[in-house]
Amino acid sequence: MKRVTGFTIVELMIALSLGLLIVAAALLMIFSGQKNIALQKNSESLQDDQNFGLAYIAKNIRQANLFNESAELTASSPHGGIVFGTANLDSFLTVRSDFTTKYATIAGAASNMRIKTGTNTFSNATNDQLVIQYRPAETGGYDCEGKQINSTNLYILERYFVRVDTNGSGTDEERAALACASSHYSTDLAVATPLEGSTTATTGLYGGGQIIMKRVDLFNVRFLTQTGSNYRYMTVAQYNAAAPKPRILAVQLAVIARAADTTTESSVSNTQEFSIFGQTVTQKNNLTKRYVRTPIVQTIALRNALGARS
């Protein structure tokens, strides 16, 4: 009788099962690795925002009030380092009629986040706008919009605000970005001179500026203030409403930055909460996609606004 060799049905089924298990384990490792790579890529983009975006803004803010005659910085300081209105500008400089309500340091623009107001209640959080002013210490550099600084006999105005990135993709909310617009004017004005050449201009400080940080869901500012021997932090809205206005010693910036791509990571939810300036914020209900987000906070001491120089 001829002998027949080979696999039995049971052996074949066991071999196939083991093969399927090995393939499944390999696929699981591949998919897990891809998720980890995507998560690391998103985290890397957020670190870049923190290391370069806010650091660049902080560098310029440190120059606020540079070469000003008085170290005391308030909403009424001539040539003050933080611009709240026309009182902080040169008396010969003329600006648009809506300058104080649209192009100075204000609060109120819509953001992508909500702020916690009660145990289970939220209200819409708003973005702030920060406008600084300084005289450059040297020539050859550039302002926040990329304009060359070719003289030290000028004041530089820089406006930091959130707007839609017109070159981005997605919804308006997904294209929210932190931008900076700037203008220069001479320190030697002797006659009425309009900023950007016209009181109806739409360029320079009045324009859309250049993107500093992409994917910004919230931009908030508050000030470290001094009244006598008392110190406290005040939001832009609180400072603008205060009377009299206290002295400003430092600026604190807070940003909720968002990664470039969505994630399927289960630990990232679309209801994640963050703490900003002691308050809890979360994304709006209509933003259902899951993104890695991170809060970035930086405090900048205004060295040119310290001391008793007058």
Protein backbone atom coordinates (compact mmCIF):
# COMPACT_ATOMS: atom_id res chain seq x y z
CA MET A 1 0.00 0.00 0.00
CA LYS A 2 1.35 3.41 -1.00
CA ARG A 3 1.96 5.79 1.93
CA VAL A 4 0.48 9.31 1.63
CA THR A 5 2.10 12.19 3.54
CA GLY A 6 0.85 15.77 4.19
CA PHE A 7 -1.19 17.88 6.59
CA THR A 8 -4.34 16.78 8.22
CA ILE A 9 -7.30 19.13 8.21
CA VAL A 10 -6.71 19.91 11.89
CA GLU A 11 -3.04 20.73 11.31
CA LEU A 12 -3.93 22.96 8.36
CA MET A 13 -6.54 24.85 10.38
CA ILE A 14 -4.07 25.36 13.23
CA ALA A 15 -1.42 26.65 10.81
CA LEU A 16 -3.88 29.03 9.18
CA SER A 17 -5.06 30.29 12.58
CA LEU A 18 -1.50 30.92 13.73
CA GLY A 19 -0.77 32.72 10.46
CA LEU A 20 -3.82 34.92 10.86
CA LEU A 21 -2.84 35.75 14.44
CA ILE A 22 0.67 36.71 13.36
CA VAL A 23 -0.63 38.87 10.49
CA ALA A 24 -3.19 40.52 12.81
CA ALA A 25 -0.48 41.28 15.38
CA ALA A 26 1.75 42.75 12.67
CA LEU A 27 -1.09 44.91 11.32
CA LEU A 28 -1.93 46.07 14.84
CA MET A 29 1.67 47.12 15.37
CA ILE A 30 1.69 48.99 12.03
CA PHE A 31 -1.56 50.84 12.75
CA SER A 32 -0.46 51.64 16.30
CA GLY A 33 2.86 52.93 15.00
CA GLN A 34 1.11 55.12 12.43
CA LYS A 35 -1.14 56.58 15.13
CA ASN A 36 1.87 57.29 17.34
CA ILE A 37 3.73 58.94 14.47
CA ALA A 38 0.71 61.13 13.67
CA LEU A 39 0.34 62.08 17.34
CA GLN A 40 4.04 62.92 17.62
CA LYS A 41 3.83 65.00 14.43
CA ASN A 42 0.91 66.96 15.85
CA SER A 43 2.73 67.47 19.14
CA GLU A 44 5.82 68.64 17.24
CA SER A 45 3.82 71.29 15.37
CA LEU A 46 2.43 72.56 18.68
CA GLN A 47 5.93 72.74 20.16
CA ASP A 48 7.05 74.77 17.15
CA ASP A 49 4.21 77.21 17.81
CA GLN A 50 5.33 77.51 21.42
CA ASN A 51 9.05 77.80 20.72
CA PHE A 52 8.91 80.14 17.74
CA GLY A 53 5.49 81.81 17.50
CA LEU A 54 4.98 83.11 21.02
CA ALA A 55 8.71 83.58 21.56
CA TYR A 56 8.82 85.94 18.57
CA ILE A 57 5.87 87.93 19.89
CA ALA A 58 7.43 88.10 23.37
CA LYS A 59 10.68 89.46 21.91
CA ASN A 60 8.84 92.41 20.36
CA ILE A 61 6.66 93.03 23.42
CA ARG A 62 9.80 93.37 25.57
CA GLN A 63 10.67 96.44 23.51
CA ALA A 64 7.39 98.17 24.45
CA ASN A 65 7.96 101.59 26.08
CA LEU A 66 11.60 101.60 24.92
CA PHE A 67 13.09 105.13 25.00
CA ASN A 68 9.89 106.58 26.44
CA GLU A 69 10.41 109.56 28.72
CA SER A 70 8.38 108.00 31.53
CA ALA A 71 8.63 104.45 32.84
CA GLU A 72 5.04 104.58 34.06
CA LEU A 73 2.82 102.85 31.54
CA THR A 74 -0.94 103.42 31.58
CA ALA A 75 -3.75 103.97 29.09
CA SER A 76 -2.92 107.69 29.04
CA SER A 77 0.88 107.53 28.74
CA PRO A 78 2.17 109.59 25.77
CA HIS A 79 4.00 107.22 23.40
CA GLY A 80 3.12 104.44 25.83
CA GLY A 81 4.29 100.91 25.12
CA ILE A 82 0.75 99.51 25.04
CA VAL A 83 -1.74 101.41 22.91
CA PHE A 84 -5.28 101.76 24.25
CA GLY A 85 -6.24 104.86 22.29
CA THR A 86 -5.06 108.08 20.69
CA ALA A 87 -3.72 109.35 24.04
CA ASN A 88 -0.82 106.92 23.62
CA LEU A 89 0.12 108.26 20.17
CA ASP A 90 1.99 111.36 19.07
CA SER A 91 -0.22 114.46 19.29
CA PHE A 92 0.49 115.25 15.61
CA LEU A 93 -0.46 111.77 14.39
CA THR A 94 -3.99 111.49 13.00
CA VAL A 95 -5.75 108.14 12.75
CA ARG A 96 -9.02 106.65 11.58
CA SER A 97 -12.13 107.65 13.51
CA ASP A 98 -12.64 104.02 14.60
CA PHE A 99 -9.05 103.61 15.82
CA THR A 100 -9.88 103.18 19.53
CA THR A 101 -12.69 100.69 18.95
CA LYS A 102 -11.02 98.57 16.24
CA TYR A 103 -7.25 99.10 16.11
CA ALA A 104 -6.19 99.57 19.74
CA THR A 105 -5.88 97.07 22.61
CA ILE A 106 -9.40 95.70 23.00
CA ALA A 107 -11.38 92.55 23.80
CA GLY A 108 -14.41 91.11 22.12
CA ALA A 109 -13.65 89.22 18.88
CA ALA A 110 -15.27 85.77 18.58
CA SER A 111 -13.10 82.70 19.27
CA ASN A 112 -13.43 78.93 18.82
CA MET A 113 -13.70 78.27 22.55
CA ARG A 114 -16.24 78.46 25.37
CA ILE A 115 -15.53 79.53 28.93
CA LYS A 116 -17.01 77.82 31.99
CA THR A 117 -19.35 80.10 33.93
CA GLY A 118 -21.04 77.57 36.22
CA THR A 119 -21.08 73.90 37.17
CA ASN A 120 -22.37 72.82 33.76
CA THR A 121 -22.76 76.11 31.93
CA PHE A 122 -20.52 77.77 29.37
CA SER A 123 -20.51 81.04 27.44
CA ASN A 124 -18.58 81.98 24.32
CA ALA A 125 -14.98 83.03 25.01
CA THR A 126 -13.55 85.97 23.08
CA ASN A 127 -10.16 86.73 21.55
CA ASP A 128 -8.20 89.79 22.62
CA GLN A 129 -6.26 92.24 20.49
CA LEU A 130 -2.93 93.66 21.68
CA VAL A 131 -1.30 96.78 20.20
CA ILE A 132 2.23 97.73 21.27
CA GLN A 133 4.47 100.70 20.47
CA TYR A 134 8.25 101.07 20.68
CA ARG A 135 11.24 102.86 19.23
CA PRO A 136 13.86 100.55 17.74
CA ALA A 137 17.29 100.50 19.36
CA GLU A 138 19.07 99.87 16.06
CA THR A 139 18.47 99.69 12.33
CA GLY A 140 18.63 96.71 10.01
CA GLY A 141 15.97 94.59 11.64
CA TYR A 142 12.35 93.93 10.74
CA ASP A 143 9.03 94.47 12.45
CA CYS A 144 6.42 91.74 12.92
CA GLU A 145 5.05 92.21 9.40
CA GLY A 146 8.47 91.96 7.75
CA LYS A 147 8.97 95.68 7.08
CA GLN A 148 12.60 96.75 7.35
CA ILE A 149 13.56 99.11 10.16
CA ASN A 150 15.80 101.70 8.49
CA SER A 151 15.84 104.38 11.19
CA THR A 152 15.78 104.70 14.96
CA ASN A 153 13.89 107.99 14.73
CA LEU A 154 10.50 106.38 14.40
CA TYR A 155 7.81 104.67 16.42
CA ILE A 156 6.67 101.20 15.47
CA LEU A 157 3.07 100.14 16.07
CA GLU A 158 2.28 96.41 16.05
CA ARG A 159 -1.23 94.95 16.32
CA TYR A 160 -1.61 91.27 17.32
CA PHE A 161 -5.02 89.75 16.61
CA VAL A 162 -6.79 86.60 15.39
CA ARG A 163 -8.16 86.45 11.85
CA VAL A 164 -9.02 83.86 9.19
CA ASP A 165 -6.02 82.57 7.24
CA THR A 166 -7.05 83.27 3.64
CA ASN A 167 -4.43 80.81 2.34
CA GLY A 168 -5.57 77.95 4.55
CA SER A 169 -8.12 75.20 3.95
CA GLY A 170 -11.19 74.13 5.87
CA THR A 171 -13.84 76.16 7.64
CA ASP A 172 -13.28 79.68 8.96
CA GLU A 173 -12.95 78.22 12.46
CA GLU A 174 -10.25 75.79 11.30
CA ARG A 175 -8.35 78.62 9.57
CA ALA A 176 -8.21 80.92 12.61
CA ALA A 177 -4.66 82.26 12.99
CA LEU A 178 -2.75 84.82 15.04
CA ALA A 179 -1.57 87.67 12.82
CA CYS A 180 0.34 90.92 13.21
CA ALA A 181 -0.13 94.19 11.32
CA SER A 182 2.28 97.13 11.70
CA SER A 183 2.85 100.79 10.89
CA HIS A 184 5.71 103.24 11.41
CA TYR A 185 5.64 106.98 12.06
CA SER A 186 8.37 109.55 12.63
CA THR A 187 9.47 110.80 16.04
CA ASP A 188 9.86 114.29 14.54
CA LEU A 189 6.28 115.08 13.55
CA ALA A 190 5.61 118.83 13.58
CA VAL A 191 2.35 119.01 11.63
CA ALA A 192 -0.75 116.81 11.50
CA THR A 193 0.26 113.59 9.73
CA PRO A 194 -2.13 110.69 9.03
CA LEU A 195 -0.98 107.17 9.85
CA GLU A 196 -0.43 105.24 6.59
CA GLY A 197 -0.97 108.48 4.67
CA SER A 198 -4.74 108.68 5.11
CA THR A 199 -7.41 108.67 7.81
CA THR A 200 -9.32 106.13 5.70
CA ALA A 201 -6.36 103.83 4.99
CA THR A 202 -6.73 100.04 4.99
CA THR A 203 -3.02 99.17 4.95
CA GLY A 204 -0.37 98.82 7.64
CA LEU A 205 -1.85 98.70 11.13
CA TYR A 206 -5.31 98.78 9.56
CA GLY A 207 -4.65 95.80 7.27
CA GLY A 208 -4.64 92.02 7.61
CA GLY A 209 -0.92 91.81 8.39
CA GLN A 210 1.11 88.60 8.33
CA ILE A 211 0.39 85.27 10.04
CA ILE A 212 2.53 84.64 13.14
CA MET A 213 0.88 81.42 14.36
CA LYS A 214 -1.55 79.19 12.49
CA ARG A 215 -4.44 77.25 14.05
CA VAL A 216 -5.13 79.46 17.07
CA ASP A 217 -8.44 78.72 18.80
CA LEU A 218 -8.05 81.34 21.54
CA PHE A 219 -5.78 84.35 22.15
CA ASN A 220 -6.07 86.09 25.52
CA VAL A 221 -4.05 88.86 27.14
CA ARG A 222 -3.89 90.15 30.67
CA PHE A 223 -1.72 92.68 32.49
CA LEU A 224 0.11 92.66 35.80
CA THR A 225 -0.90 96.00 37.29
CA GLN A 226 0.17 98.06 40.29
CA THR A 227 -1.91 100.44 42.38
CA GLY A 228 0.19 101.74 45.25
CA SER A 229 1.51 98.65 47.01
CA ASN A 230 -1.17 96.37 45.55
CA TYR A 231 -0.59 94.12 42.54
CA ARG A 232 -3.15 92.19 40.51
CA TYR A 233 -3.68 90.67 37.07
CA MET A 234 -6.36 92.30 34.92
CA THR A 235 -7.81 91.13 31.62
CA VAL A 236 -8.01 93.55 28.71
CA ALA A 237 -11.73 94.03 29.35
CA GLN A 238 -11.16 94.66 33.06
CA TYR A 239 -8.38 97.16 32.39
CA ASN A 240 -10.37 99.08 29.79
CA ALA A 241 -13.30 99.30 32.22
CA ALA A 242 -11.19 100.37 35.23
CA ALA A 243 -11.16 103.95 36.49
CA PRO A 244 -8.60 105.18 37.20
CA LYS A 245 -6.29 103.01 35.09
CA PRO A 246 -3.48 101.35 37.12
CA ARG A 247 0.15 101.10 36.05
CA ILE A 248 1.11 98.11 33.86
CA LEU A 249 4.26 96.15 34.72
CA ALA A 250 3.97 92.96 32.66
CA VAL A 251 1.97 91.32 29.88
CA GLN A 252 0.74 87.74 30.03
CA LEU A 253 -0.22 85.94 26.82
CA ALA A 254 -2.32 82.79 26.57
CA VAL A 255 -3.01 80.76 23.43
CA ILE A 256 -4.95 77.58 22.75
CA ALA A 257 -3.04 76.13 19.80
CA ARG A 258 -4.40 73.35 17.60
CA ALA A 259 -2.50 70.67 15.67
CA ALA A 260 -2.60 70.60 11.89
CA ASP A 261 -4.38 67.25 11.49
CA THR A 262 -7.27 65.48 13.17
CA THR A 263 -6.56 62.47 15.35
CA THR A 264 -8.25 59.14 16.05
CA GLU A 265 -6.47 58.80 19.39
CA SER A 266 -9.10 57.82 21.96
CA SER A 267 -7.46 59.92 24.69
CA VAL A 268 -8.18 63.10 22.69
CA SER A 269 -11.83 64.12 22.93
CA ASN A 270 -13.77 67.02 21.46
CA THR A 271 -14.83 68.03 24.97
CA GLN A 272 -11.35 68.34 26.48
CA GLU A 273 -10.99 71.20 28.95
CA PHE A 274 -8.04 73.55 29.50
CA SER A 275 -7.15 76.04 32.21
CA ILE A 276 -6.33 79.57 31.02
CA PHE A 277 -5.74 82.37 33.52
CA GLY A 278 -7.49 80.31 36.20
CA GLN A 279 -10.59 79.72 34.09
CA THR A 280 -11.76 76.55 32.33
CA VAL A 281 -12.28 76.65 28.57
CA THR A 282 -13.37 74.05 26.02
CA GLN A 283 -14.12 74.04 22.30
CA LYS A 284 -17.51 75.12 20.97
CA ASN A 285 -20.23 72.53 20.38
CA ASN A 286 -20.23 73.03 16.61
CA LEU A 287 -16.54 72.01 16.39
CA THR A 288 -16.91 68.24 16.40
CA LYS A 289 -13.57 67.16 14.92
CA ARG A 290 -10.92 65.86 17.30
CA TYR A 291 -7.60 67.74 17.31
CA VAL A 292 -4.66 67.72 19.67
CA ARG A 293 -4.73 71.08 21.42
CA THR A 294 -2.47 72.63 24.02
CA PRO A 295 -2.56 75.77 26.15
CA ILE A 296 0.52 77.99 25.89
CA VAL A 297 1.06 80.75 28.46
CA GLN A 298 3.93 83.21 28.59
CA THR A 299 4.57 86.15 30.91
CA ILE A 300 6.67 89.07 29.65
CA ALA A 301 8.03 91.61 32.10
CA LEU A 302 8.05 95.12 30.60
CA ARG A 303 11.56 96.11 31.62
CA ASN A 304 11.09 99.55 30.07
CA ALA A 305 8.04 100.13 32.29
CA LEU A 306 9.74 99.38 35.61
CA GLY A 307 11.35 101.82 38.01
CA ALA A 308 10.68 105.52 38.54
CA ARG A 309 12.01 107.08 35.33
CA SER A 310 10.08 110.25 34.50
